[in-house]
Amino acid sequence: MKRRQLLFSILKGVVLGIGFDQLVHAQEQLDPLEIMPDTHRLLFENEFVRVIESKVPAGRVEPKHSHPHCVPISLADFEAEITTFPDGKTVRVRRTFGSVAWSEATVHEVKIVGNAPSHNVRVELNC
């Protein structure tokens, strides 16, 4: 019986380890710096934060990507349609120059609607 429990514990650890590795790999695959290097650039990074600037033209769609908990700072007035995953819900938002907010970790796709491009600085937490 103890042998069976030990084997089960080992297998459970291996499965959980593989699942965690796949989650980390999936997050890396959804990194906006990798997916959209033409519109996103790294401004600063250390062990606590990563600061990304994004400039996205009007009408452009940012493909599915992820962000950890962060503070986005809007440097332009613009409107966007944001579709979150995995629920597929879409909301339309209006951002104004100088607005600052808290954003939970997310996976989303963003379409810049209207005539104005977006311009943001995002302070992502590494902790």
N, C-alpha and C. Protein backbone atom coordinates (compact mmCIF):
# COMPACT_ATOMS: atom_id res chain seq x y z
N MET A 1 0.82 -1.20 0.00
CA MET A 1 0.00 0.00 0.00
C MET A 1 0.86 1.26 0.00
N LYS A 2 1.88 1.31 0.85
CA LYS A 2 2.75 2.47 0.89
C LYS A 2 3.47 2.66 -0.43
N ARG A 3 3.81 1.59 -1.06
CA ARG A 3 4.49 1.64 -2.34
C ARG A 3 3.58 2.29 -3.40
N ARG A 4 2.33 1.92 -3.36
CA ARG A 4 1.35 2.47 -4.30
C ARG A 4 1.16 3.98 -4.06
N GLN A 5 1.09 4.39 -2.79
CA GLN A 5 0.94 5.81 -2.46
C GLN A 5 2.17 6.60 -2.90
N LEU A 6 3.37 6.03 -2.71
CA LEU A 6 4.60 6.68 -3.13
C LEU A 6 4.61 6.85 -4.65
N LEU A 7 4.26 5.80 -5.37
CA LEU A 7 4.22 5.87 -6.83
C LEU A 7 3.20 6.92 -7.29
N PHE A 8 2.03 6.95 -6.65
CA PHE A 8 1.02 7.94 -6.98
C PHE A 8 1.53 9.35 -6.74
N SER A 9 2.20 9.58 -5.62
CA SER A 9 2.74 10.90 -5.29
C SER A 9 3.79 11.33 -6.31
N ILE A 10 4.63 10.40 -6.73
CA ILE A 10 5.66 10.72 -7.73
C ILE A 10 5.01 11.08 -9.06
N LEU A 11 4.05 10.27 -9.49
CA LEU A 11 3.35 10.55 -10.75
C LEU A 11 2.60 11.88 -10.70
N LYS A 12 1.97 12.16 -9.56
CA LYS A 12 1.26 13.42 -9.40
C LYS A 12 2.23 14.60 -9.50
N GLY A 13 3.39 14.48 -8.89
CA GLY A 13 4.40 15.53 -8.96
C GLY A 13 4.89 15.75 -10.39
N VAL A 14 5.08 14.66 -11.11
CA VAL A 14 5.54 14.77 -12.50
C VAL A 14 4.47 15.46 -13.35
N VAL A 15 3.22 15.06 -13.19
CA VAL A 15 2.13 15.65 -13.97
C VAL A 15 1.98 17.13 -13.63
N LEU A 16 2.02 17.48 -12.34
CA LEU A 16 1.92 18.89 -11.96
C LEU A 16 3.10 19.68 -12.49
N GLY A 17 4.28 19.11 -12.44
CA GLY A 17 5.47 19.78 -12.98
C GLY A 17 5.36 20.04 -14.46
N ILE A 18 4.87 19.06 -15.19
CA ILE A 18 4.68 19.23 -16.64
C ILE A 18 3.63 20.30 -16.90
N GLY A 19 2.54 20.28 -16.15
CA GLY A 19 1.48 21.29 -16.31
C GLY A 19 1.99 22.69 -16.03
N PHE A 20 2.78 22.87 -14.98
CA PHE A 20 3.33 24.18 -14.66
C PHE A 20 4.28 24.63 -15.76
N ASP A 21 5.11 23.73 -16.26
CA ASP A 21 6.04 24.06 -17.33
C ASP A 21 5.29 24.50 -18.58
N GLN A 22 4.19 23.82 -18.90
CA GLN A 22 3.39 24.19 -20.07
C GLN A 22 2.74 25.55 -19.87
N LEU A 23 2.30 25.87 -18.65
CA LEU A 23 1.70 27.16 -18.36
C LEU A 23 2.74 28.27 -18.54
N VAL A 24 3.93 28.08 -18.01
CA VAL A 24 4.99 29.07 -18.16
C VAL A 24 5.33 29.25 -19.63
N HIS A 25 5.43 28.15 -20.37
CA HIS A 25 5.75 28.21 -21.80
C HIS A 25 4.64 28.93 -22.57
N ALA A 26 3.38 28.67 -22.20
CA ALA A 26 2.26 29.34 -22.87
C ALA A 26 2.32 30.83 -22.62
N GLN A 27 2.64 31.26 -21.39
CA GLN A 27 2.76 32.69 -21.09
C GLN A 27 3.87 33.32 -21.92
N GLU A 28 5.01 32.61 -22.06
CA GLU A 28 6.11 33.13 -22.85
C GLU A 28 5.70 33.28 -24.31
N GLN A 29 4.90 32.36 -24.82
CA GLN A 29 4.44 32.43 -26.21
C GLN A 29 3.48 33.59 -26.42
N LEU A 30 2.86 34.10 -25.38
CA LEU A 30 1.91 35.19 -25.48
C LEU A 30 2.52 36.54 -25.08
N ASP A 31 3.83 36.61 -25.01
CA ASP A 31 4.53 37.84 -24.63
C ASP A 31 4.36 38.89 -25.72
N PRO A 32 3.79 40.07 -25.39
CA PRO A 32 3.59 41.09 -26.43
C PRO A 32 4.88 41.56 -27.09
N LEU A 33 6.00 41.53 -26.37
CA LEU A 33 7.27 41.93 -26.98
C LEU A 33 7.69 40.97 -28.08
N GLU A 34 7.34 39.70 -27.93
CA GLU A 34 7.66 38.70 -28.95
C GLU A 34 6.66 38.71 -30.09
N ILE A 35 5.39 38.89 -29.75
CA ILE A 35 4.31 38.83 -30.74
C ILE A 35 4.23 40.10 -31.59
N MET A 36 4.50 41.25 -30.97
CA MET A 36 4.31 42.54 -31.66
C MET A 36 5.53 43.45 -31.51
N PRO A 37 6.69 43.02 -31.98
CA PRO A 37 7.89 43.84 -31.79
C PRO A 37 7.86 45.17 -32.54
N ASP A 38 6.98 45.28 -33.53
CA ASP A 38 6.88 46.53 -34.29
C ASP A 38 6.09 47.61 -33.55
N THR A 39 5.28 47.22 -32.56
CA THR A 39 4.46 48.20 -31.83
C THR A 39 4.76 48.24 -30.32
N HIS A 40 5.56 47.30 -29.83
CA HIS A 40 5.87 47.22 -28.40
C HIS A 40 7.39 47.21 -28.20
N ARG A 41 7.84 48.00 -27.22
CA ARG A 41 9.28 47.97 -26.93
C ARG A 41 9.52 48.02 -25.42
N LEU A 42 10.57 47.34 -25.02
CA LEU A 42 10.95 47.29 -23.62
C LEU A 42 11.67 48.58 -23.25
N LEU A 43 11.17 49.26 -22.20
CA LEU A 43 11.81 50.49 -21.73
C LEU A 43 12.72 50.22 -20.55
N PHE A 44 12.32 49.25 -19.69
CA PHE A 44 13.08 48.98 -18.47
C PHE A 44 12.65 47.63 -17.92
N GLU A 45 13.59 46.93 -17.29
CA GLU A 45 13.23 45.67 -16.62
C GLU A 45 14.23 45.39 -15.51
N ASN A 46 13.71 44.94 -14.37
CA ASN A 46 14.55 44.41 -13.30
C ASN A 46 13.79 43.26 -12.65
N GLU A 47 14.22 42.83 -11.48
CA GLU A 47 13.57 41.67 -10.87
C GLU A 47 12.17 41.97 -10.35
N PHE A 48 11.77 43.24 -10.29
CA PHE A 48 10.47 43.62 -9.76
C PHE A 48 9.45 44.02 -10.82
N VAL A 49 9.89 44.74 -11.84
CA VAL A 49 8.97 45.25 -12.86
C VAL A 49 9.55 45.13 -14.25
N ARG A 50 8.64 45.19 -15.23
CA ARG A 50 9.00 45.31 -16.63
C ARG A 50 8.13 46.43 -17.18
N VAL A 51 8.75 47.40 -17.84
CA VAL A 51 8.03 48.55 -18.37
C VAL A 51 8.05 48.48 -19.89
N ILE A 52 6.86 48.45 -20.48
CA ILE A 52 6.71 48.30 -21.93
C ILE A 52 5.96 49.51 -22.47
N GLU A 53 6.45 50.06 -23.57
CA GLU A 53 5.74 51.11 -24.30
C GLU A 53 5.07 50.47 -25.51
N SER A 54 3.83 50.86 -25.77
CA SER A 54 3.15 50.38 -26.98
C SER A 54 2.54 51.55 -27.72
N LYS A 55 2.72 51.52 -29.03
CA LYS A 55 2.11 52.50 -29.94
C LYS A 55 1.45 51.69 -31.05
N VAL A 56 0.12 51.70 -31.06
CA VAL A 56 -0.62 50.87 -32.01
C VAL A 56 -1.47 51.77 -32.90
N PRO A 57 -1.30 51.67 -34.23
CA PRO A 57 -2.08 52.51 -35.15
C PRO A 57 -3.58 52.24 -35.07
N ALA A 58 -4.36 53.25 -35.41
CA ALA A 58 -5.82 53.10 -35.46
C ALA A 58 -6.18 52.01 -36.46
N GLY A 59 -7.16 51.20 -36.09
CA GLY A 59 -7.62 50.12 -36.97
C GLY A 59 -6.84 48.83 -36.82
N ARG A 60 -5.73 48.86 -36.14
CA ARG A 60 -4.88 47.68 -35.99
C ARG A 60 -5.41 46.77 -34.89
N VAL A 61 -5.24 45.48 -35.08
CA VAL A 61 -5.61 44.48 -34.07
C VAL A 61 -4.35 43.90 -33.47
N GLU A 62 -4.25 43.97 -32.15
CA GLU A 62 -3.16 43.30 -31.44
C GLU A 62 -3.62 41.86 -31.23
N PRO A 63 -2.90 40.88 -31.77
CA PRO A 63 -3.34 39.49 -31.60
C PRO A 63 -3.30 39.06 -30.13
N LYS A 64 -3.90 37.95 -29.86
CA LYS A 64 -3.97 37.38 -28.51
C LYS A 64 -2.60 37.43 -27.84
N HIS A 65 -2.55 38.04 -26.64
CA HIS A 65 -1.32 38.14 -25.87
C HIS A 65 -1.68 38.24 -24.39
N SER A 66 -0.67 38.20 -23.53
CA SER A 66 -0.95 38.22 -22.10
C SER A 66 -0.15 39.30 -21.39
N HIS A 67 -0.66 39.69 -20.22
CA HIS A 67 0.02 40.62 -19.32
C HIS A 67 -0.16 40.10 -17.90
N PRO A 68 0.87 40.20 -17.06
CA PRO A 68 0.67 39.93 -15.64
C PRO A 68 -0.03 41.13 -15.00
N HIS A 69 -0.22 41.12 -13.69
CA HIS A 69 -0.76 42.29 -13.00
C HIS A 69 0.07 43.50 -13.39
N CYS A 70 -0.60 44.62 -13.67
CA CYS A 70 0.16 45.77 -14.15
C CYS A 70 -0.60 47.08 -13.94
N VAL A 71 0.13 48.16 -14.22
CA VAL A 71 -0.44 49.50 -14.19
C VAL A 71 -0.25 50.11 -15.57
N PRO A 72 -1.33 50.22 -16.38
CA PRO A 72 -1.22 50.87 -17.68
C PRO A 72 -1.41 52.38 -17.54
N ILE A 73 -0.60 53.13 -18.26
CA ILE A 73 -0.66 54.58 -18.27
C ILE A 73 -0.92 55.02 -19.71
N SER A 74 -2.02 55.71 -19.94
CA SER A 74 -2.38 56.14 -21.30
C SER A 74 -1.68 57.45 -21.63
N LEU A 75 -1.03 57.48 -22.78
CA LEU A 75 -0.34 58.68 -23.23
C LEU A 75 -1.02 59.29 -24.46
N ALA A 76 -2.27 58.86 -24.72
CA ALA A 76 -3.07 59.40 -25.81
C ALA A 76 -4.54 59.09 -25.53
N ASP A 77 -5.41 59.84 -26.17
CA ASP A 77 -6.84 59.54 -26.14
C ASP A 77 -7.12 58.54 -27.26
N PHE A 78 -7.78 57.43 -26.94
CA PHE A 78 -8.11 56.45 -27.97
C PHE A 78 -9.23 55.54 -27.47
N GLU A 79 -9.80 54.78 -28.40
CA GLU A 79 -10.82 53.79 -28.07
C GLU A 79 -10.37 52.42 -28.55
N ALA A 80 -10.78 51.39 -27.82
CA ALA A 80 -10.39 50.03 -28.17
C ALA A 80 -11.51 49.06 -27.84
N GLU A 81 -11.52 47.96 -28.58
CA GLU A 81 -12.38 46.81 -28.26
C GLU A 81 -11.46 45.72 -27.75
N ILE A 82 -11.74 45.24 -26.55
CA ILE A 82 -10.89 44.25 -25.90
C ILE A 82 -11.67 42.96 -25.73
N THR A 83 -11.13 41.88 -26.28
CA THR A 83 -11.72 40.56 -26.12
C THR A 83 -10.82 39.75 -25.20
N THR A 84 -11.39 39.27 -24.08
CA THR A 84 -10.62 38.50 -23.11
C THR A 84 -10.80 37.00 -23.34
N PHE A 85 -9.80 36.26 -22.92
CA PHE A 85 -9.81 34.80 -23.05
C PHE A 85 -9.60 34.19 -21.68
N PRO A 86 -10.23 33.06 -21.40
CA PRO A 86 -10.91 32.16 -22.33
C PRO A 86 -12.40 32.45 -22.50
N ASP A 87 -12.95 33.48 -21.82
CA ASP A 87 -14.40 33.68 -21.87
C ASP A 87 -14.92 34.28 -23.18
N GLY A 88 -14.05 34.93 -23.97
CA GLY A 88 -14.46 35.49 -25.26
C GLY A 88 -15.31 36.75 -25.16
N LYS A 89 -15.38 37.38 -23.98
CA LYS A 89 -16.16 38.59 -23.80
C LYS A 89 -15.43 39.78 -24.42
N THR A 90 -16.21 40.65 -25.09
CA THR A 90 -15.66 41.85 -25.70
C THR A 90 -16.28 43.08 -25.07
N VAL A 91 -15.42 44.04 -24.71
CA VAL A 91 -15.87 45.32 -24.18
C VAL A 91 -15.21 46.44 -24.96
N ARG A 92 -15.91 47.55 -25.07
CA ARG A 92 -15.35 48.74 -25.72
C ARG A 92 -14.93 49.70 -24.62
N VAL A 93 -13.70 50.21 -24.70
CA VAL A 93 -13.18 51.12 -23.68
C VAL A 93 -12.68 52.40 -24.33
N ARG A 94 -12.71 53.45 -23.56
CA ARG A 94 -12.16 54.74 -23.99
C ARG A 94 -11.08 55.12 -22.99
N ARG A 95 -9.90 55.38 -23.48
CA ARG A 95 -8.78 55.79 -22.64
C ARG A 95 -8.46 57.25 -22.94
N THR A 96 -8.08 57.99 -21.91
CA THR A 96 -7.73 59.39 -22.08
C THR A 96 -6.30 59.64 -21.63
N PHE A 97 -5.67 60.63 -22.26
CA PHE A 97 -4.30 60.98 -21.94
C PHE A 97 -4.14 61.18 -20.43
N GLY A 98 -3.13 60.53 -19.86
CA GLY A 98 -2.84 60.68 -18.45
C GLY A 98 -3.58 59.74 -17.52
N SER A 99 -4.52 58.96 -18.05
CA SER A 99 -5.25 58.04 -17.16
C SER A 99 -4.35 56.89 -16.74
N VAL A 100 -4.51 56.51 -15.49
CA VAL A 100 -3.72 55.43 -14.89
C VAL A 100 -4.71 54.48 -14.23
N ALA A 101 -4.46 53.18 -14.35
CA ALA A 101 -5.39 52.20 -13.78
C ALA A 101 -4.62 50.99 -13.25
N TRP A 102 -5.32 50.14 -12.55
CA TRP A 102 -4.81 48.83 -12.14
C TRP A 102 -5.42 47.81 -13.09
N SER A 103 -4.61 46.85 -13.54
CA SER A 103 -5.12 45.81 -14.42
C SER A 103 -4.73 44.44 -13.87
N GLU A 104 -5.72 43.60 -13.70
CA GLU A 104 -5.44 42.22 -13.29
C GLU A 104 -4.72 41.50 -14.43
N ALA A 105 -4.06 40.41 -14.10
CA ALA A 105 -3.41 39.59 -15.13
C ALA A 105 -4.47 39.18 -16.15
N THR A 106 -4.10 39.19 -17.43
CA THR A 106 -5.09 38.93 -18.46
C THR A 106 -4.46 38.32 -19.70
N VAL A 107 -5.31 37.64 -20.46
CA VAL A 107 -5.00 37.22 -21.82
C VAL A 107 -6.08 37.85 -22.67
N HIS A 108 -5.68 38.65 -23.67
CA HIS A 108 -6.67 39.36 -24.47
C HIS A 108 -6.17 39.68 -25.87
N GLU A 109 -7.12 40.15 -26.68
CA GLU A 109 -6.86 40.66 -28.03
C GLU A 109 -7.45 42.07 -28.04
N VAL A 110 -6.74 43.01 -28.65
CA VAL A 110 -7.17 44.40 -28.61
C VAL A 110 -7.25 44.96 -30.03
N LYS A 111 -8.38 45.58 -30.35
CA LYS A 111 -8.53 46.28 -31.63
C LYS A 111 -8.67 47.77 -31.33
N ILE A 112 -7.80 48.57 -31.95
CA ILE A 112 -7.87 50.02 -31.78
C ILE A 112 -8.92 50.53 -32.76
N VAL A 113 -10.01 51.07 -32.22
CA VAL A 113 -11.13 51.54 -33.05
C VAL A 113 -11.12 53.07 -33.09
N GLY A 114 -11.81 53.63 -34.05
CA GLY A 114 -11.81 55.08 -34.19
C GLY A 114 -10.62 55.52 -35.03
N ASN A 115 -10.33 56.81 -35.01
CA ASN A 115 -9.28 57.37 -35.86
C ASN A 115 -7.95 57.59 -35.14
N ALA A 116 -7.91 57.45 -33.83
CA ALA A 116 -6.70 57.77 -33.07
C ALA A 116 -5.91 56.50 -32.72
N PRO A 117 -4.60 56.56 -32.85
CA PRO A 117 -3.76 55.43 -32.43
C PRO A 117 -3.67 55.39 -30.91
N SER A 118 -3.31 54.23 -30.38
CA SER A 118 -3.10 54.12 -28.93
C SER A 118 -1.63 54.38 -28.62
N HIS A 119 -1.38 54.85 -27.42
CA HIS A 119 -0.01 55.02 -26.92
C HIS A 119 -0.09 54.80 -25.41
N ASN A 120 0.59 53.75 -24.95
CA ASN A 120 0.56 53.38 -23.54
C ASN A 120 1.95 53.05 -23.03
N VAL A 121 2.12 53.21 -21.73
CA VAL A 121 3.25 52.63 -21.02
C VAL A 121 2.63 51.71 -19.98
N ARG A 122 3.11 50.48 -19.92
CA ARG A 122 2.55 49.47 -19.02
C ARG A 122 3.65 49.03 -18.06
N VAL A 123 3.40 49.18 -16.77
CA VAL A 123 4.34 48.73 -15.74
C VAL A 123 3.85 47.38 -15.25
N GLU A 124 4.52 46.33 -15.67
CA GLU A 124 4.12 44.95 -15.32
C GLU A 124 4.90 44.49 -14.11
N LEU A 125 4.19 43.85 -13.17
CA LEU A 125 4.82 43.36 -11.95
C LEU A 125 5.43 41.99 -12.18
N ASN A 126 6.65 41.80 -11.72
CA ASN A 126 7.33 40.50 -11.84
C ASN A 126 7.21 39.68 -10.56
N CYS A 127 6.54 40.21 -9.56
CA CYS A 127 6.46 39.48 -8.29
C CYS A 127 5.11 38.87 -8.06
